[in-house]
Amino acid sequence: MDCAFETASKSNDELFTKISDHAKAAHNIEEVSPELKQKITGAIRKKLF
Protein backbone atom coordinates (compact mmCIF):
# COMPACT_ATOMS: atom_id res chain seq x y z
CA MET A 1 0.00 0.00 0.00
CA ASP A 2 1.41 3.38 -0.93
CA CYS A 3 0.59 5.71 1.96
CA ALA A 4 2.53 8.72 3.21
CA PHE A 5 0.89 8.70 6.65
CA GLU A 6 3.26 9.62 9.48
CA THR A 7 2.69 9.82 13.20
CA ALA A 8 4.72 9.83 16.38
CA SER A 9 4.27 8.45 19.85
CA LYS A 10 6.24 7.70 22.99
CA SER A 11 4.83 4.17 23.33
CA ASN A 12 4.20 1.32 20.90
CA ASP A 13 0.65 0.85 22.22
CA GLU A 14 -0.25 4.47 21.51
CA LEU A 15 1.49 4.29 18.14
CA PHE A 16 -0.51 1.26 17.02
CA THR A 17 -3.74 2.90 18.21
CA LYS A 18 -2.99 5.88 15.98
CA ILE A 19 -2.06 3.60 13.08
CA SER A 20 -5.23 1.50 13.52
CA ASP A 21 -7.38 4.63 13.61
CA HIS A 22 -5.74 5.84 10.39
CA ALA A 23 -6.20 2.45 8.73
CA LYS A 24 -9.92 2.51 9.51
CA ALA A 25 -10.51 6.11 8.47
CA ALA A 26 -8.33 6.30 5.36
CA HIS A 27 -8.25 2.72 4.07
CA ASN A 28 -11.45 1.10 5.42
CA ILE A 29 -9.38 -1.55 7.23
CA GLU A 30 -11.45 -2.67 10.20
CA GLU A 31 -8.84 -5.00 11.73
CA VAL A 32 -5.06 -4.97 11.36
CA SER A 33 -4.07 -8.54 10.54
CA PRO A 34 -0.87 -10.05 11.97
CA GLU A 35 0.68 -9.85 8.50
CA LEU A 36 -0.16 -6.15 8.14
CA LYS A 37 1.08 -5.45 11.67
CA GLN A 38 4.39 -7.11 10.75
CA LYS A 39 4.70 -4.85 7.66
CA ILE A 40 3.87 -1.79 9.74
CA THR A 41 6.40 -2.77 12.40
CA GLY A 42 9.04 -3.07 9.67
CA ALA A 43 8.25 0.46 8.48
CA ILE A 44 8.55 2.10 11.91
CA ARG A 45 11.61 4.27 12.32
CA LYS A 46 12.89 5.95 15.44
CA LYS A 47 13.08 9.68 15.16
CA LEU A 48 15.79 11.47 17.06
CA PHE A 49 14.87 14.90 18.32
PDB file of N, CA and C in Angstrom:
ATOM      1  N   MET A   1       0.851  -1.170   0.000  1.00  0.00           N
ATOM      2  CA  MET A   1       0.000   0.000   0.000  1.00  0.00           C
ATOM      3  C   MET A   1       0.899   1.236   0.000  1.00  0.00           C
ATOM      4  N   ASP A   2       0.625   2.152  -0.844  1.00  0.00           N
ATOM      5  CA  ASP A   2       1.405   3.381  -0.935  1.00  0.00           C
ATOM      6  C   ASP A   2       0.695   4.465  -0.124  1.00  0.00           C
ATOM      7  N   CYS A   3       1.228   4.744   1.063  1.00  0.00           N
ATOM      8  CA  CYS A   3       0.592   5.709   1.957  1.00  0.00           C
ATOM      9  C   CYS A   3       1.683   6.531   2.637  1.00  0.00           C
ATOM     10  N   ALA A   4       1.521   7.822   2.625  1.00  0.00           N
ATOM     11  CA  ALA A   4       2.530   8.720   3.206  1.00  0.00           C
ATOM     12  C   ALA A   4       2.212   9.111   4.651  1.00  0.00           C
ATOM     13  N   PHE A   5       1.286   8.393   5.281  1.00  0.00           N
ATOM     14  CA  PHE A   5       0.894   8.701   6.654  1.00  0.00           C
ATOM     15  C   PHE A   5       2.095   8.615   7.590  1.00  0.00           C
ATOM     16  N   GLU A   6       2.228   9.617   8.451  1.00  0.00           N
ATOM     17  CA  GLU A   6       3.259   9.621   9.477  1.00  0.00           C
ATOM     18  C   GLU A   6       2.638  10.030  10.795  1.00  0.00           C
ATOM     19  N   THR A   7       3.143   9.465  11.858  1.00  0.00           N
ATOM     20  CA  THR A   7       2.691   9.822  13.196  1.00  0.00           C
ATOM     21  C   THR A   7       3.841   9.572  14.159  1.00  0.00           C
ATOM     22  N   ALA A   8       3.685  10.036  15.364  1.00  0.00           N
ATOM     23  CA  ALA A   8       4.716   9.827  16.378  1.00  0.00           C
ATOM     24  C   ALA A   8       4.051   9.528  17.705  1.00  0.00           C
ATOM     25  N   SER A   9       4.775   8.810  18.549  1.00  0.00           N
ATOM     26  CA  SER A   9       4.266   8.448  19.855  1.00  0.00           C
ATOM     27  C   SER A   9       5.424   8.030  20.743  1.00  0.00           C
ATOM     28  N   LYS A  10       5.205   8.123  22.038  1.00  0.00           N
ATOM     29  CA  LYS A  10       6.236   7.704  22.987  1.00  0.00           C
ATOM     30  C   LYS A  10       6.122   6.229  23.349  1.00  0.00           C
ATOM     31  N   SER A  11       4.991   5.599  23.016  1.00  0.00           N
ATOM     32  CA  SER A  11       4.829   4.174  23.326  1.00  0.00           C
ATOM     33  C   SER A  11       4.315   3.424  22.097  1.00  0.00           C
ATOM     34  N   ASN A  12       4.661   2.143  22.019  1.00  0.00           N
ATOM     35  CA  ASN A  12       4.198   1.323  20.904  1.00  0.00           C
ATOM     36  C   ASN A  12       2.684   1.145  20.930  1.00  0.00           C
ATOM     37  N   ASP A  13       2.101   1.013  22.126  1.00  0.00           N
ATOM     38  CA  ASP A  13       0.650   0.847  22.216  1.00  0.00           C
ATOM     39  C   ASP A  13      -0.075   2.062  21.645  1.00  0.00           C
ATOM     40  N   GLU A  14       0.367   3.247  22.029  1.00  0.00           N
ATOM     41  CA  GLU A  14      -0.254   4.472  21.514  1.00  0.00           C
ATOM     42  C   GLU A  14      -0.020   4.597  20.011  1.00  0.00           C
ATOM     43  N   LEU A  15       1.163   4.223  19.566  1.00  0.00           N
ATOM     44  CA  LEU A  15       1.488   4.295  18.143  1.00  0.00           C
ATOM     45  C   LEU A  15       0.549   3.406  17.329  1.00  0.00           C
ATOM     46  N   PHE A  16       0.357   2.168  17.769  1.00  0.00           N
ATOM     47  CA  PHE A  16      -0.508   1.259  17.022  1.00  0.00           C
ATOM     48  C   PHE A  16      -1.970   1.677  17.088  1.00  0.00           C
ATOM     49  N   THR A  17      -2.376   2.351  18.158  1.00  0.00           N
ATOM     50  CA  THR A  17      -3.736   2.895  18.205  1.00  0.00           C
ATOM     51  C   THR A  17      -3.910   3.950  17.129  1.00  0.00           C
ATOM     52  N   LYS A  18      -2.927   4.840  17.012  1.00  0.00           N
ATOM     53  CA  LYS A  18      -2.992   5.882  15.976  1.00  0.00           C
ATOM     54  C   LYS A  18      -2.984   5.266  14.579  1.00  0.00           C
ATOM     55  N   ILE A  19      -2.153   4.260  14.386  1.00  0.00           N
ATOM     56  CA  ILE A  19      -2.064   3.598  13.076  1.00  0.00           C
ATOM     57  C   ILE A  19      -3.375   2.881  12.753  1.00  0.00           C
ATOM     58  N   SER A  20      -3.952   2.199  13.734  1.00  0.00           N
ATOM     59  CA  SER A  20      -5.230   1.504  13.522  1.00  0.00           C
ATOM     60  C   SER A  20      -6.346   2.482  13.190  1.00  0.00           C
ATOM     61  N   ASP A  21      -6.374   3.601  13.898  1.00  0.00           N
ATOM     62  CA  ASP A  21      -7.381   4.630  13.610  1.00  0.00           C
ATOM     63  C   ASP A  21      -7.229   5.151  12.191  1.00  0.00           C
ATOM     64  N   HIS A  22      -5.995   5.373  11.759  1.00  0.00           N
ATOM     65  CA  HIS A  22      -5.744   5.843  10.393  1.00  0.00           C
ATOM     66  C   HIS A  22      -6.176   4.782   9.381  1.00  0.00           C
ATOM     67  N   ALA A  23      -5.842   3.530   9.646  1.00  0.00           N
ATOM     68  CA  ALA A  23      -6.198   2.448   8.727  1.00  0.00           C
ATOM     69  C   ALA A  23      -7.707   2.369   8.523  1.00  0.00           C
ATOM     70  N   LYS A  24      -8.460   2.542   9.608  1.00  0.00           N
ATOM     71  CA  LYS A  24      -9.917   2.508   9.513  1.00  0.00           C
ATOM     72  C   LYS A  24     -10.455   3.699   8.729  1.00  0.00           C
ATOM     73  N   ALA A  25      -9.977   4.889   9.071  1.00  0.00           N
ATOM     74  CA  ALA A  25     -10.509   6.113   8.466  1.00  0.00           C
ATOM     75  C   ALA A  25     -10.093   6.284   7.008  1.00  0.00           C
ATOM     76  N   ALA A  26      -8.842   6.002   6.699  1.00  0.00           N
ATOM     77  CA  ALA A  26      -8.327   6.295   5.359  1.00  0.00           C
ATOM     78  C   ALA A  26      -8.381   5.114   4.397  1.00  0.00           C
ATOM     79  N   HIS A  27      -8.371   3.886   4.940  1.00  0.00           N
ATOM     80  CA  HIS A  27      -8.252   2.719   4.067  1.00  0.00           C
ATOM     81  C   HIS A  27      -9.352   1.681   4.278  1.00  0.00           C
ATOM     82  N   ASN A  28     -10.336   2.009   5.138  1.00  0.00           N
ATOM     83  CA  ASN A  28     -11.448   1.098   5.420  1.00  0.00           C
ATOM     84  C   ASN A  28     -10.988  -0.276   5.907  1.00  0.00           C
ATOM     85  N   ILE A  29      -9.878  -0.306   6.649  1.00  0.00           N
ATOM     86  CA  ILE A  29      -9.379  -1.549   7.228  1.00  0.00           C
ATOM     87  C   ILE A  29      -9.915  -1.627   8.651  1.00  0.00           C
ATOM     88  N   GLU A  30     -10.811  -2.562   8.890  1.00  0.00           N
ATOM     89  CA  GLU A  30     -11.447  -2.673  10.201  1.00  0.00           C
ATOM     90  C   GLU A  30     -10.549  -3.335  11.238  1.00  0.00           C
ATOM     91  N   GLU A  31      -9.713  -4.282  10.798  1.00  0.00           N
ATOM     92  CA  GLU A  31      -8.841  -4.996  11.729  1.00  0.00           C
ATOM     93  C   GLU A  31      -7.467  -5.153  11.091  1.00  0.00           C
ATOM     94  N   VAL A  32      -6.437  -4.819  11.852  1.00  0.00           N
ATOM     95  CA  VAL A  32      -5.063  -4.967  11.362  1.00  0.00           C
ATOM     96  C   VAL A  32      -4.662  -6.419  11.571  1.00  0.00           C
ATOM     97  N   SER A  33      -4.438  -7.120  10.477  1.00  0.00           N
ATOM     98  CA  SER A  33      -4.065  -8.536  10.540  1.00  0.00           C
ATOM     99  C   SER A  33      -2.627  -8.667  11.056  1.00  0.00           C
ATOM    100  N   PRO A  34      -2.259  -9.846  11.535  1.00  0.00           N
ATOM    101  CA  PRO A  34      -0.868 -10.051  11.972  1.00  0.00           C
ATOM    102  C   PRO A  34       0.138  -9.769  10.850  1.00  0.00           C
ATOM    103  N   GLU A  35      -0.221 -10.101   9.633  1.00  0.00           N
ATOM    104  CA  GLU A  35       0.676  -9.850   8.501  1.00  0.00           C
ATOM    105  C   GLU A  35       0.864  -8.355   8.269  1.00  0.00           C
ATOM    106  N   LEU A  36      -0.241  -7.598   8.332  1.00  0.00           N
ATOM    107  CA  LEU A  36      -0.162  -6.155   8.143  1.00  0.00           C
ATOM    108  C   LEU A  36       0.600  -5.509   9.296  1.00  0.00           C
ATOM    109  N   LYS A  37       0.363  -5.984  10.509  1.00  0.00           N
ATOM    110  CA  LYS A  37       1.083  -5.450  11.671  1.00  0.00           C
ATOM    111  C   LYS A  37       2.589  -5.672  11.523  1.00  0.00           C
ATOM    112  N   GLN A  38       2.974  -6.820  10.976  1.00  0.00           N
ATOM    113  CA  GLN A  38       4.390  -7.105  10.745  1.00  0.00           C
ATOM    114  C   GLN A  38       4.976  -6.129   9.727  1.00  0.00           C
ATOM    115  N   LYS A  39       4.239  -5.821   8.661  1.00  0.00           N
ATOM    116  CA  LYS A  39       4.705  -4.854   7.661  1.00  0.00           C
ATOM    117  C   LYS A  39       4.823  -3.462   8.276  1.00  0.00           C
ATOM    118  N   ILE A  40       3.839  -3.099   9.084  1.00  0.00           N
ATOM    119  CA  ILE A  40       3.866  -1.791   9.739  1.00  0.00           C
ATOM    120  C   ILE A  40       5.063  -1.698  10.677  1.00  0.00           C
ATOM    121  N   THR A  41       5.274  -2.739  11.463  1.00  0.00           N
ATOM    122  CA  THR A  41       6.403  -2.766  12.395  1.00  0.00           C
ATOM    123  C   THR A  41       7.721  -2.598  11.648  1.00  0.00           C
ATOM    124  N   GLY A  42       7.827  -3.191  10.475  1.00  0.00           N
ATOM    125  CA  GLY A  42       9.037  -3.066   9.667  1.00  0.00           C
ATOM    126  C   GLY A  42       9.239  -1.664   9.110  1.00  0.00           C
ATOM    127  N   ALA A  43       8.166  -0.903   9.027  1.00  0.00           N
ATOM    128  CA  ALA A  43       8.251   0.456   8.479  1.00  0.00           C
ATOM    129  C   ALA A  43       8.486   1.524   9.548  1.00  0.00           C
ATOM    130  N   ILE A  44       8.385   1.128  10.813  1.00  0.00           N
ATOM    131  CA  ILE A  44       8.549   2.101  11.908  1.00  0.00           C
ATOM    132  C   ILE A  44      10.026   2.459  12.056  1.00  0.00           C
ATOM    133  N   ARG A  45      10.261   3.754  12.150  1.00  0.00           N
ATOM    134  CA  ARG A  45      11.613   4.265  12.322  1.00  0.00           C
ATOM    135  C   ARG A  45      11.647   5.159  13.541  1.00  0.00           C
ATOM    136  N   LYS A  46      12.725   5.053  14.301  1.00  0.00           N
ATOM    137  CA  LYS A  46      12.893   5.951  15.445  1.00  0.00           C
ATOM    138  C   LYS A  46      13.320   7.310  14.930  1.00  0.00           C
ATOM    139  N   LYS A  47      12.754   8.305  15.533  1.00  0.00           N
ATOM    140  CA  LYS A  47      13.080   9.681  15.156  1.00  0.00           C
ATOM    141  C   LYS A  47      13.831  10.322  16.311  1.00  0.00           C
ATOM    142  N   LEU A  48      14.998  10.821  16.028  1.00  0.00           N
ATOM    143  CA  LEU A  48      15.789  11.470  17.056  1.00  0.00           C
ATOM    144  C   LEU A  48      15.500  12.960  17.053  1.00  0.00           C
ATOM    145  N   PHE A  49      15.212  13.486  18.195  1.00  0.00           N
ATOM    146  CA  PHE A  49      14.872  14.901  18.316  1.00  0.00           C
ATOM    147  C   PHE A  49      16.074  15.705  18.710  1.00  0.00           C
TER     148      PHE A  49
END
